Amino acid sequence: MNINPLYILPNLFTAGSIFLGIASVILASRGGFEWACWFVLLSMILDGLDGRVARLTNTASKFGVEFDSLADIVAFGVAPAMLLYFYIGLDYGRYGVVASAIFVIFGAIRLARFNISTANTEPNSFIGLPIPSAAVILVLWILLDLEYGILKNTCLGFILLALAFILSILMVSNIRYPSFKKMQWNLKIFVVVVIVLCMAYLKPREVIGGLMSFYVLYGIARWIFVLIKKIYFK
């Protein structure tokens, strides 16, 4: 049976995502935290490209879906969790182990739930914080701490573990987060994107970290608003 060679393309992006995840773990274990963080961010770019390449080349397959899911648990579950542990979890003994382990476990649960609930369709919103978003936010916080030394070099390191635990809970929560896969592009959105990209070029970790943190807070604020509305405006 002949197989279309184009089927290899999206899977190469997925394999590259796994490779960067493993490289991130190795770098983190050797104290190369900054590059370990950037490797996770690069992994997210490859993860975003594999599905688009599959659709453009009409090579989407069940194998590709499963492969991508397994890649996500490595690149966005294990890699950021180990980065967290080597960066600051070591200083807190069992608490560091638990925070890192829960991030991976809840991330796997999030992926399993996503695969079941969206087997044949792409959602307009996500139920629970997507694992790539949780991973990117965590490594951006580490990058910011590497730049400004707010947590690791003080007695406040436990805050990062607590924030990682909150991200883990958000992944398995019922809080909805917007999906931009079906966003309709227009001139206003294009202008905003250009401005954001220019700002990110000047201050990448601050701008991207701020935007991703806002994304997390937006979901929580929206959930609280809906909850209050249900209670007081039945």
C-alpha atoms as a PDB file:
ATOM      1  CA  MET A   1       0.000   0.000   0.000  1.00  0.00           C
ATOM      2  CA  ASN A   2       1.387   3.404  -1.045  1.00  0.00           C
ATOM      3  CA  ILE A   3       1.288   6.187   1.554  1.00  0.00           C
ATOM      4  CA  ASN A   4       1.173   9.831   0.572  1.00  0.00           C
ATOM      5  CA  PRO A   5       4.585  11.259   1.606  1.00  0.00           C
ATOM      6  CA  LEU A   6       2.829  14.484   2.627  1.00  0.00           C
ATOM      7  CA  TYR A   7       1.490  12.622   5.680  1.00  0.00           C
ATOM      8  CA  ILE A   8       5.009  12.852   7.094  1.00  0.00           C
ATOM      9  CA  LEU A   9       4.984  16.676   7.220  1.00  0.00           C
ATOM     10  CA  PRO A  10       2.564  17.340  10.113  1.00  0.00           C
ATOM     11  CA  ASN A  11       4.016  14.426  12.075  1.00  0.00           C
ATOM     12  CA  LEU A  12       7.506  15.915  11.697  1.00  0.00           C
ATOM     13  CA  PHE A  13       6.275  19.078  13.422  1.00  0.00           C
ATOM     14  CA  THR A  14       4.794  16.932  16.193  1.00  0.00           C
ATOM     15  CA  ALA A  15       8.047  14.977  16.552  1.00  0.00           C
ATOM     16  CA  GLY A  16       9.929  18.276  16.700  1.00  0.00           C
ATOM     17  CA  SER A  17       7.647  19.393  19.539  1.00  0.00           C
ATOM     18  CA  ILE A  18       8.538  16.249  21.512  1.00  0.00           C
ATOM     19  CA  PHE A  19      12.245  16.726  20.801  1.00  0.00           C
ATOM     20  CA  LEU A  20      12.169  20.294  22.124  1.00  0.00           C
ATOM     21  CA  GLY A  21      10.291  19.119  25.215  1.00  0.00           C
ATOM     22  CA  ILE A  22      12.940  16.507  26.000  1.00  0.00           C
ATOM     23  CA  ALA A  23      15.731  18.986  25.273  1.00  0.00           C
ATOM     24  CA  SER A  24      14.064  21.390  27.708  1.00  0.00           C
ATOM     25  CA  VAL A  25      14.106  18.766  30.467  1.00  0.00           C
ATOM     26  CA  ILE A  26      17.791  18.016  29.868  1.00  0.00           C
ATOM     27  CA  LEU A  27      18.716  21.697  29.896  1.00  0.00           C
ATOM     28  CA  ALA A  28      16.713  22.317  33.073  1.00  0.00           C
ATOM     29  CA  SER A  29      18.460  19.417  34.808  1.00  0.00           C
ATOM     30  CA  ARG A  30      21.792  21.099  34.008  1.00  0.00           C
ATOM     31  CA  GLY A  31      20.700  24.546  35.171  1.00  0.00           C
ATOM     32  CA  GLY A  32      20.070  25.984  31.698  1.00  0.00           C
ATOM     33  CA  PHE A  33      16.699  27.374  32.711  1.00  0.00           C
ATOM     34  CA  GLU A  34      16.398  30.212  30.194  1.00  0.00           C
ATOM     35  CA  TRP A  35      16.928  28.053  27.127  1.00  0.00           C
ATOM     36  CA  ALA A  36      14.728  25.360  28.688  1.00  0.00           C
ATOM     37  CA  CYS A  37      11.908  27.908  28.858  1.00  0.00           C
ATOM     38  CA  TRP A  38      12.398  29.084  25.293  1.00  0.00           C
ATOM     39  CA  PHE A  39      12.389  25.492  24.050  1.00  0.00           C
ATOM     40  CA  VAL A  40       8.913  24.988  25.551  1.00  0.00           C
ATOM     41  CA  LEU A  41       7.737  28.167  23.818  1.00  0.00           C
ATOM     42  CA  LEU A  42       9.198  26.985  20.504  1.00  0.00           C
ATOM     43  CA  SER A  43       7.498  23.651  21.067  1.00  0.00           C
ATOM     44  CA  MET A  44       4.150  25.443  21.267  1.00  0.00           C
ATOM     45  CA  ILE A  45       4.794  27.027  17.868  1.00  0.00           C
ATOM     46  CA  LEU A  46       5.448  23.606  16.326  1.00  0.00           C
ATOM     47  CA  ASP A  47       2.361  22.251  18.072  1.00  0.00           C
ATOM     48  CA  GLY A  48       0.270  24.996  16.505  1.00  0.00           C
ATOM     49  CA  LEU A  49       1.712  24.337  13.058  1.00  0.00           C
ATOM     50  CA  ASP A  50       1.210  20.578  12.850  1.00  0.00           C
ATOM     51  CA  GLY A  51      -2.592  20.769  12.728  1.00  0.00           C
ATOM     52  CA  ARG A  52      -2.580  23.616  10.238  1.00  0.00           C
ATOM     53  CA  VAL A  53      -0.121  21.824   7.978  1.00  0.00           C
ATOM     54  CA  ALA A  54      -2.318  18.705   8.142  1.00  0.00           C
ATOM     55  CA  ARG A  55      -5.369  20.701   7.069  1.00  0.00           C
ATOM     56  CA  LEU A  56      -3.522  22.573   4.315  1.00  0.00           C
ATOM     57  CA  THR A  57      -2.109  19.355   2.850  1.00  0.00           C
ATOM     58  CA  ASN A  58      -5.310  17.386   3.511  1.00  0.00           C
ATOM     59  CA  THR A  59      -3.314  14.832   5.514  1.00  0.00           C
ATOM     60  CA  ALA A  60      -5.230  14.875   8.804  1.00  0.00           C
ATOM     61  CA  SER A  61      -5.443  11.383  10.297  1.00  0.00           C
ATOM     62  CA  LYS A  62      -6.423   9.551  13.466  1.00  0.00           C
ATOM     63  CA  PHE A  63      -2.762   8.652  13.966  1.00  0.00           C
ATOM     64  CA  GLY A  64      -1.809  12.330  13.788  1.00  0.00           C
ATOM     65  CA  VAL A  65      -4.416  13.243  16.400  1.00  0.00           C
ATOM     66  CA  GLU A  66      -3.194  10.586  18.834  1.00  0.00           C
ATOM     67  CA  PHE A  67       0.464  11.407  18.165  1.00  0.00           C
ATOM     68  CA  ASP A  68      -0.198  15.089  18.804  1.00  0.00           C
ATOM     69  CA  SER A  69      -1.933  14.312  22.102  1.00  0.00           C
ATOM     70  CA  LEU A  70       1.009  12.207  23.305  1.00  0.00           C
ATOM     71  CA  ALA A  71       3.394  14.952  22.227  1.00  0.00           C
ATOM     72  CA  ASP A  72       1.446  17.489  24.283  1.00  0.00           C
ATOM     73  CA  ILE A  73       1.849  15.551  27.520  1.00  0.00           C
ATOM     74  CA  VAL A  74       5.614  15.471  26.964  1.00  0.00           C
ATOM     75  CA  ALA A  75       6.155  19.029  25.722  1.00  0.00           C
ATOM     76  CA  PHE A  76       3.532  20.804  27.846  1.00  0.00           C
ATOM     77  CA  GLY A  77       3.191  18.445  30.793  1.00  0.00           C
ATOM     78  CA  VAL A  78       6.477  16.767  31.653  1.00  0.00           C
ATOM     79  CA  ALA A  79       8.822  19.471  30.309  1.00  0.00           C
ATOM     80  CA  PRO A  80       7.391  22.471  32.214  1.00  0.00           C
ATOM     81  CA  ALA A  81       6.821  20.336  35.339  1.00  0.00           C
ATOM     82  CA  MET A  82      10.456  19.234  35.413  1.00  0.00           C
ATOM     83  CA  LEU A  83      11.562  22.774  34.656  1.00  0.00           C
ATOM     84  CA  LEU A  84       9.523  23.954  37.646  1.00  0.00           C
ATOM     85  CA  TYR A  85      11.049  21.248  39.840  1.00  0.00           C
ATOM     86  CA  PHE A  86      14.667  21.892  38.872  1.00  0.00           C
ATOM     87  CA  TYR A  87      14.195  25.663  39.010  1.00  0.00           C
ATOM     88  CA  ILE A  88      12.540  25.986  42.406  1.00  0.00           C
ATOM     89  CA  GLY A  89      10.843  22.731  43.465  1.00  0.00           C
ATOM     90  CA  LEU A  90      14.132  21.261  44.694  1.00  0.00           C
ATOM     91  CA  ASP A  91      14.228  23.934  47.383  1.00  0.00           C
ATOM     92  CA  TYR A  92      10.886  22.794  48.821  1.00  0.00           C
ATOM     93  CA  GLY A  93      11.328  19.032  49.036  1.00  0.00           C
ATOM     94  CA  ARG A  94       8.116  17.042  48.775  1.00  0.00           C
ATOM     95  CA  TYR A  95       6.058  20.151  48.051  1.00  0.00           C
ATOM     96  CA  GLY A  96       8.065  20.673  44.892  1.00  0.00           C
ATOM     97  CA  VAL A  97       7.550  17.039  43.863  1.00  0.00           C
ATOM     98  CA  VAL A  98       3.796  17.248  44.464  1.00  0.00           C
ATOM     99  CA  ALA A  99       3.360  20.540  42.585  1.00  0.00           C
ATOM    100  CA  SER A 100       5.285  19.200  39.581  1.00  0.00           C
ATOM    101  CA  ALA A 101       3.530  15.819  39.585  1.00  0.00           C
ATOM    102  CA  ILE A 102       0.040  17.316  39.837  1.00  0.00           C
ATOM    103  CA  PHE A 103       0.775  19.564  36.868  1.00  0.00           C
ATOM    104  CA  VAL A 104       1.516  16.496  34.716  1.00  0.00           C
ATOM    105  CA  ILE A 105      -1.366  14.388  36.061  1.00  0.00           C
ATOM    106  CA  PHE A 106      -4.002  17.099  35.681  1.00  0.00           C
ATOM    107  CA  GLY A 107      -2.577  18.000  32.282  1.00  0.00           C
ATOM    108  CA  ALA A 108      -3.074  14.383  31.158  1.00  0.00           C
ATOM    109  CA  ILE A 109      -6.645  14.446  32.490  1.00  0.00           C
ATOM    110  CA  ARG A 110      -7.245  17.703  30.595  1.00  0.00           C
ATOM    111  CA  LEU A 111      -5.996  16.147  27.350  1.00  0.00           C
ATOM    112  CA  ALA A 112      -8.090  13.002  27.813  1.00  0.00           C
ATOM    113  CA  ARG A 113     -11.231  15.049  28.441  1.00  0.00           C
ATOM    114  CA  PHE A 114     -10.504  17.271  25.452  1.00  0.00           C
ATOM    115  CA  ASN A 115     -10.012  14.273  23.140  1.00  0.00           C
ATOM    116  CA  ILE A 116     -13.308  12.738  24.226  1.00  0.00           C
ATOM    117  CA  SER A 117     -15.393  15.907  24.063  1.00  0.00           C
ATOM    118  CA  THR A 118     -14.037  17.178  20.718  1.00  0.00           C
ATOM    119  CA  ALA A 119     -13.566  13.970  18.764  1.00  0.00           C
ATOM    120  CA  ASN A 120     -15.135  15.293  15.554  1.00  0.00           C
ATOM    121  CA  THR A 121     -15.414  19.054  16.000  1.00  0.00           C
ATOM    122  CA  GLU A 122     -13.270  22.019  16.925  1.00  0.00           C
ATOM    123  CA  PRO A 123     -14.740  23.992  19.848  1.00  0.00           C
ATOM    124  CA  ASN A 124     -15.356  27.727  19.931  1.00  0.00           C
ATOM    125  CA  SER A 125     -14.220  27.686  23.558  1.00  0.00           C
ATOM    126  CA  PHE A 126     -12.241  25.335  25.776  1.00  0.00           C
ATOM    127  CA  ILE A 127     -13.603  23.809  28.975  1.00  0.00           C
ATOM    128  CA  GLY A 128     -10.683  24.167  31.328  1.00  0.00           C
ATOM    129  CA  LEU A 129      -7.372  25.871  30.629  1.00  0.00           C
ATOM    130  CA  PRO A 130      -5.651  24.171  27.652  1.00  0.00           C
ATOM    131  CA  ILE A 131      -2.435  22.396  28.636  1.00  0.00           C
ATOM    132  CA  PRO A 132      -0.271  24.308  26.100  1.00  0.00           C
ATOM    133  CA  SER A 133      -1.509  27.585  27.581  1.00  0.00           C
ATOM    134  CA  ALA A 134      -0.812  26.400  31.133  1.00  0.00           C
ATOM    135  CA  ALA A 135       2.705  25.314  30.131  1.00  0.00           C
ATOM    136  CA  VAL A 136       3.515  28.554  28.333  1.00  0.00           C
ATOM    137  CA  ILE A 137       2.235  30.683  31.223  1.00  0.00           C
ATOM    138  CA  LEU A 138       4.334  28.710  33.699  1.00  0.00           C
ATOM    139  CA  VAL A 139       7.558  29.031  31.698  1.00  0.00           C
ATOM    140  CA  LEU A 140       6.896  32.726  31.062  1.00  0.00           C
ATOM    141  CA  TRP A 141       6.592  33.289  34.809  1.00  0.00           C
ATOM    142  CA  ILE A 142       9.912  31.488  35.237  1.00  0.00           C
ATOM    143  CA  LEU A 143      11.458  33.645  32.493  1.00  0.00           C
ATOM    144  CA  LEU A 144      10.216  36.779  34.253  1.00  0.00           C
ATOM    145  CA  ASP A 145      11.664  35.549  37.535  1.00  0.00           C
ATOM    146  CA  LEU A 146      14.975  34.823  35.824  1.00  0.00           C
ATOM    147  CA  GLU A 147      14.984  38.408  34.581  1.00  0.00           C
ATOM    148  CA  TYR A 148      13.965  40.150  37.798  1.00  0.00           C
ATOM    149  CA  GLY A 149      14.843  37.645  40.543  1.00  0.00           C
ATOM    150  CA  ILE A 150      11.625  38.210  42.492  1.00  0.00           C
ATOM    151  CA  LEU A 151      10.916  34.683  43.758  1.00  0.00           C
ATOM    152  CA  LYS A 152      13.856  32.293  43.514  1.00  0.00           C
ATOM    153  CA  ASN A 153      16.363  34.542  45.243  1.00  0.00           C
ATOM    154  CA  THR A 154      13.985  35.386  48.085  1.00  0.00           C
ATOM    155  CA  CYS A 155      11.787  33.530  50.541  1.00  0.00           C
ATOM    156  CA  LEU A 156       8.845  33.815  48.122  1.00  0.00           C
ATOM    157  CA  GLY A 157       9.701  30.829  45.937  1.00  0.00           C
ATOM    158  CA  PHE A 158       6.681  28.919  47.197  1.00  0.00           C
ATOM    159  CA  ILE A 159       4.468  31.411  45.321  1.00  0.00           C
ATOM    160  CA  LEU A 160       5.567  29.897  42.007  1.00  0.00           C
ATOM    161  CA  LEU A 161       4.649  26.412  43.245  1.00  0.00           C
ATOM    162  CA  ALA A 162       1.261  27.742  44.368  1.00  0.00           C
ATOM    163  CA  LEU A 163       0.687  29.381  40.979  1.00  0.00           C
ATOM    164  CA  ALA A 164       1.587  26.115  39.216  1.00  0.00           C
ATOM    165  CA  PHE A 165      -0.945  24.315  41.427  1.00  0.00           C
ATOM    166  CA  ILE A 166      -3.615  26.877  40.471  1.00  0.00           C
ATOM    167  CA  LEU A 167      -2.841  26.327  36.781  1.00  0.00           C
ATOM    168  CA  SER A 168      -3.236  22.577  37.360  1.00  0.00           C
ATOM    169  CA  ILE A 169      -6.668  23.090  38.934  1.00  0.00           C
ATOM    170  CA  LEU A 170      -7.732  25.386  36.088  1.00  0.00           C
ATOM    171  CA  MET A 171      -6.867  22.689  33.549  1.00  0.00           C
ATOM    172  CA  VAL A 172      -9.407  20.262  35.027  1.00  0.00           C
ATOM    173  CA  SER A 173     -11.973  22.921  35.945  1.00  0.00           C
ATOM    174  CA  ASN A 174     -15.185  23.757  34.076  1.00  0.00           C
ATOM    175  CA  ILE A 175     -14.051  27.331  33.484  1.00  0.00           C
ATOM    176  CA  ARG A 176     -14.358  28.246  29.821  1.00  0.00           C
ATOM    177  CA  TYR A 177     -11.531  29.840  27.871  1.00  0.00           C
ATOM    178  CA  PRO A 178     -11.878  31.317  24.380  1.00  0.00           C
ATOM    179  CA  SER A 179     -10.502  29.492  21.367  1.00  0.00           C
ATOM    180  CA  PHE A 180      -9.099  31.623  18.570  1.00  0.00           C
ATOM    181  CA  LYS A 181      -9.063  28.885  15.924  1.00  0.00           C
ATOM    182  CA  LYS A 182     -12.259  30.134  14.255  1.00  0.00           C
ATOM    183  CA  MET A 183     -11.655  33.842  14.809  1.00  0.00           C
ATOM    184  CA  GLN A 184     -12.773  36.061  11.922  1.00  0.00           C
ATOM    185  CA  TRP A 185      -9.924  38.308  10.831  1.00  0.00           C
ATOM    186  CA  ASN A 186     -10.481  41.951   9.889  1.00  0.00           C
ATOM    187  CA  LEU A 187      -8.446  45.148   9.615  1.00  0.00           C
ATOM    188  CA  LYS A 188      -8.876  46.153  13.277  1.00  0.00           C
ATOM    189  CA  ILE A 189      -7.671  42.783  14.545  1.00  0.00           C
ATOM    190  CA  PHE A 190      -4.753  42.907  12.121  1.00  0.00           C
ATOM    191  CA  VAL A 191      -3.696  46.347  13.447  1.00  0.00           C
ATOM    192  CA  VAL A 192      -3.921  45.131  17.059  1.00  0.00           C
ATOM    193  CA  VAL A 193      -1.830  42.046  16.239  1.00  0.00           C
ATOM    194  CA  VAL A 194       0.845  44.194  14.556  1.00  0.00           C
ATOM    195  CA  ILE A 195       1.030  46.502  17.601  1.00  0.00           C
ATOM    196  CA  VAL A 196       1.276  43.526  19.980  1.00  0.00           C
ATOM    197  CA  LEU A 197       4.022  41.939  17.876  1.00  0.00           C
ATOM    198  CA  CYS A 198       6.011  45.188  17.914  1.00  0.00           C
ATOM    199  CA  MET A 199       5.658  45.428  21.693  1.00  0.00           C
ATOM    200  CA  ALA A 200       6.621  41.758  22.045  1.00  0.00           C
ATOM    201  CA  TYR A 201       9.732  42.388  19.969  1.00  0.00           C
ATOM    202  CA  LEU A 202      10.806  45.084  22.442  1.00  0.00           C
ATOM    203  CA  LYS A 203       9.873  43.230  25.652  1.00  0.00           C
ATOM    204  CA  PRO A 204       9.011  39.617  24.737  1.00  0.00           C
ATOM    205  CA  ARG A 205       8.759  38.026  28.170  1.00  0.00           C
ATOM    206  CA  GLU A 206       6.927  40.960  29.741  1.00  0.00           C
ATOM    207  CA  VAL A 207       4.399  41.447  26.931  1.00  0.00           C
ATOM    208  CA  ILE A 208       3.686  37.776  26.222  1.00  0.00           C
ATOM    209  CA  GLY A 209       3.695  36.957  29.932  1.00  0.00           C
ATOM    210  CA  GLY A 210       1.232  39.769  30.596  1.00  0.00           C
ATOM    211  CA  LEU A 211      -1.079  38.706  27.770  1.00  0.00           C
ATOM    212  CA  MET A 212      -1.104  35.063  28.832  1.00  0.00           C
ATOM    213  CA  SER A 213      -1.695  36.006  32.467  1.00  0.00           C
ATOM    214  CA  PHE A 214      -4.625  38.159  31.329  1.00  0.00           C
ATOM    215  CA  TYR A 215      -5.965  35.144  29.414  1.00  0.00           C
ATOM    216  CA  VAL A 216      -5.961  33.101  32.632  1.00  0.00           C
ATOM    217  CA  LEU A 217      -7.580  35.874  34.663  1.00  0.00           C
ATOM    218  CA  TYR A 218     -10.182  36.495  31.957  1.00  0.00           C
ATOM    219  CA  GLY A 219     -11.506  32.946  32.264  1.00  0.00           C
ATOM    220  CA  ILE A 220     -11.685  33.188  36.055  1.00  0.00           C
ATOM    221  CA  ALA A 221     -13.368  36.629  35.964  1.00  0.00           C
ATOM    222  CA  ARG A 222     -15.894  35.438  33.384  1.00  0.00           C
ATOM    223  CA  TRP A 223     -16.698  32.359  35.484  1.00  0.00           C
ATOM    224  CA  ILE A 224     -17.250  34.511  38.597  1.00  0.00           C
ATOM    225  CA  PHE A 225     -19.483  36.898  36.619  1.00  0.00           C
ATOM    226  CA  VAL A 226     -21.615  34.040  35.275  1.00  0.00           C
ATOM    227  CA  LEU A 227     -21.849  32.508  38.756  1.00  0.00           C
ATOM    228  CA  ILE A 228     -22.999  35.795  40.314  1.00  0.00           C
ATOM    229  CA  LYS A 229     -25.478  36.293  37.492  1.00  0.00           C
ATOM    230  CA  LYS A 230     -26.998  32.859  38.123  1.00  0.00           C
ATOM    231  CA  ILE A 231     -27.289  33.483  41.866  1.00  0.00           C
ATOM    232  CA  TYR A 232     -28.709  37.016  41.870  1.00  0.00           C
ATOM    233  CA  PHE A 233     -30.471  37.240  38.490  1.00  0.00           C
ATOM    234  CA  LYS A 234     -32.398  33.990  38.208  1.00  0.00           C
END
